[in-house]
């Protein structure tokens, strides 16, 4: 069964297009624009390796410690030829990683570089595996793009006081399940009650 999780559009001076997440694959589509048509022959791409599998649910999908470790196996590094001013890249969904000595969490990111450019463009995909961190979530945000309502620097973070409505046990269990769509609740806990 095909499931489409997320589509992110982008626009850069040389090309524009979209990135689609579907069936554990990431597909990057692009089209050259303006003065760059028929001038770019190749697009280089780079992203972190996919998440490692583990025997334990709690160990699988952990982020890489840094970008160097994230690209060790070079599974998501390569280049594609531009054909008729368009290109398509298919890769495994990259894993997240850390920067600044393990203090800044970076969501799965794709880097693209046309052959007329010396630097890569960075595209952040907010599709990291929920609740997978090497360190305690930072004070300001637990991810780079999602605002956090509760900070772990105070006891209120653990109180789950936002769950005041009456629910059946079945409803509580269903609303507390692990998020399968790679979307983490803004308040970190979702609708799970305090234990």
Protein backbone atom coordinates (compact mmCIF):
# COMPACT_ATOMS: atom_id res chain seq x y z
CA UNK A 1 0.00 0.00 0.00
CA UNK A 2 1.46 3.35 -1.03
CA UNK A 3 1.43 6.12 1.52
CA UNK A 4 2.59 9.66 0.85
CA UNK A 5 3.80 11.40 3.99
CA UNK A 6 5.12 14.78 2.98
CA UNK A 7 5.88 17.03 0.01
CA UNK A 8 8.23 20.02 0.31
CA UNK A 9 8.56 22.53 -2.53
CA UNK A 10 11.74 24.53 -3.07
CA UNK A 11 13.04 27.29 -5.32
CA UNK A 12 16.66 28.25 -5.94
CA UNK A 13 18.22 30.56 -8.56
CA UNK A 14 19.19 27.65 -10.83
CA UNK A 15 16.19 25.32 -10.40
CA UNK A 16 12.97 24.70 -8.53
CA UNK A 17 10.91 21.64 -7.77
CA UNK A 18 9.71 19.48 -4.91
CA UNK A 19 10.85 16.70 -2.58
CA UNK A 20 8.40 13.88 -1.91
CA UNK A 21 8.52 11.25 0.83
CA UNK A 22 6.83 8.02 -0.21
CA UNK A 23 7.22 4.39 0.90
CA UNK A 24 10.48 4.94 2.81
CA UNK A 25 11.99 6.62 -0.24
CA UNK A 26 12.77 10.25 -0.80
CA UNK A 27 12.28 11.53 -4.36
CA UNK A 28 13.71 14.88 -5.45
CA UNK A 29 12.28 16.43 -8.61
CA UNK A 30 13.71 19.57 -10.19
CA UNK A 31 13.50 21.72 -13.28
CA UNK A 32 16.10 24.22 -14.48
CA UNK A 33 14.88 27.75 -14.88
CA UNK A 34 15.75 30.96 -16.68
CA UNK A 35 19.30 31.51 -17.89
CA UNK A 36 20.44 28.14 -16.49
CA UNK A 37 18.47 26.04 -18.98
CA UNK A 38 20.78 23.92 -21.12
CA UNK A 39 23.80 25.15 -19.08
CA UNK A 40 23.69 22.66 -16.18
CA UNK A 41 24.58 19.07 -17.06
CA UNK A 42 24.71 17.40 -13.64
CA UNK A 43 23.25 17.75 -10.14
CA UNK A 44 25.23 16.34 -7.21
CA UNK A 45 23.34 15.25 -4.11
CA UNK A 46 24.30 14.29 -0.58
CA UNK A 47 22.31 13.18 2.47
CA UNK A 48 22.90 11.15 5.62
CA UNK A 49 22.75 7.37 5.43
CA UNK A 50 19.36 5.81 6.28
CA UNK A 51 18.65 4.90 9.92
CA UNK A 52 20.36 1.76 11.21
CA UNK A 53 18.20 -1.19 12.13
CA UNK A 54 18.57 -2.65 15.56
CA UNK A 55 17.26 -5.68 17.42
CA UNK A 56 15.58 -3.38 19.92
CA UNK A 57 12.74 -0.95 19.20
CA UNK A 58 14.45 1.58 21.46
CA UNK A 59 17.81 1.31 19.68
CA UNK A 60 16.70 1.48 16.07
CA UNK A 61 16.68 4.75 14.21
CA UNK A 62 18.95 6.67 16.57
CA UNK A 63 20.49 9.81 15.01
CA UNK A 64 24.14 9.93 13.99
CA UNK A 65 26.51 11.79 16.28
CA UNK A 66 27.79 14.15 13.55
CA UNK A 67 27.64 14.67 9.81
CA UNK A 68 30.88 12.76 9.16
CA UNK A 69 29.43 9.67 10.83
CA UNK A 70 26.13 10.20 8.98
CA UNK A 71 27.74 9.89 5.52
CA UNK A 72 30.19 7.08 6.32
CA UNK A 73 28.58 4.45 4.07
CA UNK A 74 27.84 6.97 1.28
CA UNK A 75 24.44 5.37 0.59
CA UNK A 76 22.81 8.71 -0.29
CA UNK A 77 25.67 10.41 -2.14
CA UNK A 78 25.93 10.68 -5.92
CA UNK A 79 24.98 12.70 -8.97
CA UNK A 80 22.36 12.61 -11.71
CA UNK A 81 22.42 13.87 -15.28
CA UNK A 82 20.02 16.66 -16.19
CA UNK A 83 17.80 15.48 -19.03
CA UNK A 84 15.66 17.97 -20.99
CA UNK A 85 16.25 20.58 -18.24
CA UNK A 86 14.78 18.25 -15.58
CA UNK A 87 16.21 15.84 -13.02
CA UNK A 88 14.96 13.23 -10.58
CA UNK A 89 16.85 11.75 -7.62
CA UNK A 90 15.62 8.73 -5.63
CA UNK A 91 17.27 7.83 -2.32
CA UNK A 92 16.52 6.19 1.00
CA UNK A 93 15.07 8.49 3.64
CA UNK A 94 18.12 9.95 5.39
CA UNK A 95 18.52 9.81 9.14
CA UNK A 96 18.94 12.82 11.40
CA UNK A 97 22.27 13.81 12.95
CA UNK A 98 23.80 16.29 15.38
CA UNK A 99 26.04 19.32 14.98
CA UNK A 100 28.07 21.44 17.42
CA UNK A 101 29.45 18.51 19.44
CA UNK A 102 26.13 16.76 19.79
CA UNK A 103 24.09 19.74 20.99
CA UNK A 104 22.09 20.76 17.90
CA UNK A 105 19.68 18.21 16.40
CA UNK A 106 19.41 18.33 12.59
CA UNK A 107 16.42 16.71 10.91
CA UNK A 108 16.92 14.58 7.78
CA UNK A 109 18.52 16.95 5.27
CA UNK A 110 19.18 16.82 1.53
CA UNK A 111 22.04 18.78 -0.08
CA UNK A 112 21.91 19.61 -3.82
CA UNK A 113 24.61 21.21 -5.96
CA UNK A 114 24.42 22.07 -9.68
CA UNK A 115 27.70 21.69 -11.57
CA UNK A 116 27.90 25.47 -12.12
CA UNK A 117 27.93 26.11 -8.36
CA UNK A 118 30.62 25.51 -5.73
CA UNK A 119 28.37 25.11 -2.71
CA UNK A 120 25.48 22.82 -1.80
CA UNK A 121 21.94 24.01 -1.14
CA UNK A 122 20.46 22.63 2.07
CA UNK A 123 16.87 21.31 2.27
CA UNK A 124 15.64 20.25 5.72
CA UNK A 125 12.92 17.61 5.83
CA UNK A 126 11.00 17.54 9.12
CA UNK A 127 10.60 13.75 9.03
CA UNK A 128 12.94 12.64 11.78
CA UNK A 129 12.04 9.50 13.69
CA UNK A 130 9.98 10.61 16.72
CA UNK A 131 11.46 10.30 20.22
CA UNK A 132 14.93 9.35 18.95
CA UNK A 133 17.61 11.55 20.51
CA UNK A 134 21.15 10.97 21.71
CA UNK A 135 20.85 13.71 24.34
CA UNK A 136 18.02 15.21 26.35
CA UNK A 137 16.03 17.64 24.19
CA UNK A 138 17.50 21.14 24.28
CA UNK A 139 15.95 23.95 26.28
CA UNK A 140 14.57 25.95 23.34
CA UNK A 141 13.45 23.25 20.93
CA UNK A 142 13.61 19.48 20.68
CA UNK A 143 14.06 19.87 16.94
CA UNK A 144 15.27 22.71 14.81
CA UNK A 145 11.91 23.59 13.24
CA UNK A 146 9.23 22.63 15.78
CA UNK A 147 8.41 25.04 18.63
CA UNK A 148 8.20 23.44 22.06
CA UNK A 149 5.48 24.46 24.48
CA UNK A 150 7.03 22.76 27.51
CA UNK A 151 10.67 22.98 28.48
CA UNK A 152 12.44 20.11 30.27
CA UNK A 153 14.15 22.65 32.51
CA UNK A 154 11.15 22.75 34.85
CA UNK A 155 8.96 20.13 36.58
CA UNK A 156 5.89 21.26 34.59
CA UNK A 157 7.37 19.55 31.52
CA UNK A 158 6.58 16.18 33.14
CA UNK A 159 3.18 17.05 34.59
CA UNK A 160 1.03 16.46 31.46
CA UNK A 161 -1.42 18.99 32.89
CA UNK A 162 -2.80 19.64 29.41
CA UNK A 163 -4.80 16.37 29.56
CA UNK A 164 -7.81 17.32 31.65
CA UNK A 165 -10.67 15.90 29.57
CA UNK A 166 -12.38 12.64 30.52
CA UNK A 167 -11.68 9.75 28.14
CA UNK A 168 -12.31 6.04 28.03
CA UNK A 169 -9.40 3.67 28.56
CA UNK A 170 -9.59 2.61 24.90
CA UNK A 171 -9.46 6.22 23.75
CA UNK A 172 -6.45 6.92 26.00
CA UNK A 173 -4.59 3.89 24.61
CA UNK A 174 -5.37 4.77 21.00
CA UNK A 175 -4.35 8.42 21.42
CA UNK A 176 -1.11 7.41 23.20
CA UNK A 177 0.22 5.15 20.43
CA UNK A 178 3.60 5.73 18.83
CA UNK A 179 3.29 8.21 15.92
CA UNK A 180 3.65 6.18 12.71
CA UNK A 181 3.55 9.21 10.40
CA UNK A 182 6.91 10.65 11.58
CA UNK A 183 5.14 13.59 13.21
CA UNK A 184 6.04 14.36 16.80
CA UNK A 185 3.52 16.20 19.00
CA UNK A 186 4.37 19.84 19.57
CA UNK A 187 4.13 19.40 23.34
CA UNK A 188 6.38 16.28 23.23
CA UNK A 189 3.82 14.08 25.07
CA UNK A 190 0.84 14.29 22.73
CA UNK A 191 -2.32 13.11 24.53
CA UNK A 192 -0.59 10.56 26.70
CA UNK A 193 -1.53 10.96 30.39
CA UNK A 194 0.98 11.25 33.21
CA UNK A 195 2.01 7.88 34.63
